[in-house]
Each structure stands twice: as C-alpha cells, then as structure tokens.
Amino acid sequence: MGAINQGDTAWILISTALVLMMTPALAFFYGGMVRRKNILSTLNLSFVLMAVIGVQWVLFGYTLAFGQNLGGLLGGLKYLGLSGVGSIPNADYAATIPHLAYAGYQMMFAIITPALITGCFVERIKFKTFLVFSLIWATIVYDPIAHWVWGVGGFLRKWGALDFAGGTVVHVAAGFAALAVAMVIGQRKGYGRAPMEPYCIPYTVLGAGLLWFGWCGFNGGSALAANGLAVNAVMTTNTAAAAACLVWMFLSWSMENKPGVLGIATGAVVGLVAITPAAGYVTPLAAIAIGGIASAVSFFMIRWRQNSRLDESLDVFACHGMGGLTGAILTGFFATKAVNEAGANGLFYGNPKQLGIQVAAVAIVAAISFVVTFILAKVLDWTMGLRVNEMEEEVGLDISEHGEGVFA
C-alpha cells in the first residue's frame, strides 16, 4: 500500500479537470461544423454525456472496467457504487494518489469516448434513442475494452499491448463504432444534393484549441504522477499535434489550392489522437513521424469518404478511428524502454513482436466495437427508431428535439 504523494495527487486533479474540459471543447469542435439549425443539438450531445456517464461510472462503470478481474474480459462488482474506493491508494493502478482520484480521472475518459461517436449521427439522431444508445454502449463496449487494455488481468494488457492514454480504448473504439452507426442510420436528408456548409468554423477552431490544451492532461496525466514521464507525454503530445497540423495544411494547400482553416484545425486533432497511445513510450522526434503519418492517413481517408455514399457526418472514423489505429500501430515501431522502462521496445528498437501485439490489439478492439455497435444500433432502430422523421430533420433538431434555436 503506497503513501499519498501530494504533488502526484495535485497533477492528477489538474489533469482530471483538463480532460473534463475536453468534452465541452469537443462539443464546440463538432458544433461549428453543422448547420445553424442543429448547433444546440450537437453541443448538447456531448454536454449531456457528462451527466449520463458521470452517474453510470459511479454506479457500475468503474467496477466493470477496473474491478477484480473476471477471466480477462471484465471487472467484477467489487467497486459497485464506488464501494471501497476512497483516499487509500490502489497500488495496482496508482500507488501514490487516492484510489478515488484515479477513478475520477478515468471517468473523464469514459465520458468523452461516447461523445466522440456523436459526430457520426449529428443532425438526424433522436435524442431519447441517443441517451439509451450511449448508456448501453458505454456499458457493453467501452467498459469491457478499458478492462482488456488497462485493467489488471485484462487479456490485452497481459499480451503486452501498449496504450498509454487511450488510442485503442478511446479512439479506435469510438471511431469504429461511429462507422457502424453511420451505416445503420443512413444519410442526412439532401446529402450530396443540398448544401451542408459548416455554420461557424470559429467554434470548431476554438474547440480544437481547447482540445489541444486539454490533451496535456489527457496524455500527461496518464503518467499518474508528476514526473519525467508526464513531461515526456506532454512534449510528445504537443509535437505530434504540431506536425500533423503542418502536414494537413500542406496537403490541403497542394491538393485543394487553399490551406483551409477547418482542415488545419482537424489536422491538429488527428495528431493528438495519433500520439495518445504512444505519448509515454516514444521520443519527441518519433512524435513528429507519428503525427505526420497519421495526418496523411486521415486526410486521404476523408477524401475517400467524400467520394463514397457514406454520410459519416463529421468524419469520426477517419480522424479518430484511423488516427487512433495508425498511432497504436506506429507505437509498435517507435516505442522504446529508454523513455519508459515499464513499456517495451518496438520494431525499430529490436523487438518486432511488439508490432504484432499492437496490430492484434487494434484489430480485436476495432472488430468488437464495430460489430457490437452495429447490432446495438440495429436493435435500437427496430425498437425505438434511430432518427427523427423528415419534417423534424428539415426543421432542425434544435427546434424539433429541444424547442430552442440559435436566433442571433
């Protein structure tokens, strides 16, 4: 049983607040990209999850993810209602901070992950169905995956899969879930025929900037201590975001003749996504490569999606699914024990096995998240209906679902 370190505890509390801020930041990032008649609805999809998952995590989410291991697949009910989770550290996860601080920090990841998915069905989702979907998804997809990768006894953790701050648990899971829901819910009314220009790109740039800021806690806090590893994670996080931002800018400049501001902001977020699994395992120089490569992958994935019939509205799959996948796999190349002795060496440091582990972990999480989400979306569509009717969609979800509008 470890002694509480005040510096570590202070850093985790700050990081918890930073990650919590990322959910309303995401709301602005997404809200700026929809049409005026759906801005409030889109903002609310992220905001309300701070309430829904904030309660779910305390009641049973945390124990399913981090409770006593059950066959490597799920946590037991030992911490139901956060029973026994208090000021005494849990040495299995963080030996120098209160167990409750660790649970609170992890709660912020549980909140933002289903919020990421919302970008795939904005402007057409039924609010009541969305609430049910998010609660079930967090329980049957996110919580088990978190246990597989981060929980003591989780089978992917036992394999040695590296995911420092959630590239696989958060971004791959959310991105492939978004692809599944988009396939079930179908295109927005008038997609490909009517103009669907973003109403407020400044909202999106604001959201991206706040996400960049908050990601220092997302990745830096995952060191679970105020130490050199946290410093490395913050530095690699900023570096990857910067590299990805520049790569996206130059790609759009060369292929679309103009360096779009929306693309520049998107590129930065992709870099943040990609470095998330690697932040505490790679050097800042490697972060440049990870951010740059992931930026190019997501850029061309969006171009592919735009030429397809898939209306995955805000490109959650291209940015988070493929960005997280790319970062997790590249961790298998660039990871080095010189940065983190508790990690592993990757292919470039003489350990090709780690690359295989990373690929296998990503493939499993992507497949499970996609399949389970697809089935869940189908069941909810048959029983409750996933989307509003055509008239409600035409009027806009701000009015039809919430009785409010952006009138300024």
Foldseek 3Di string as FASTA:
>chain_A
DAEADPQLQVLLVVLLVLLLLLLLLVLLLLLQFFDQQQNVVSSVLSVCLCVLLVVVLQQALVQQQAAPDDQLQTGDCPCGNHVPQFAQDDVLQARHGGSVSVSSSVSSLLSVQLSLLSLQQGLWFAPVLSSVLSNVCSRPFLRRLSNLCPYVSHVLVVVQQFAQQDLQSRQQLSLLLSQLLLVVQFDAVCVPHDDTGRDHVVSSLSSLVSNLVSLLSRRLCSVSGPDPLSVQLNLLLQLLLVLQLVLQQVVCCVPVVHRDPSSSSLSSLLSNSLCRRPSSFAGSVLSNVLSNVLSVQLNVVVVVVVPDRGCSPNNSNSRRNSSSLSSSLCSLAGGDCVRPVVHDHHVVVPDPVNNVSSNVSSVVSSVVSNVVSNVSSVVCCVPPNTTDDPVCSVSHCCCSNPNDGDDD
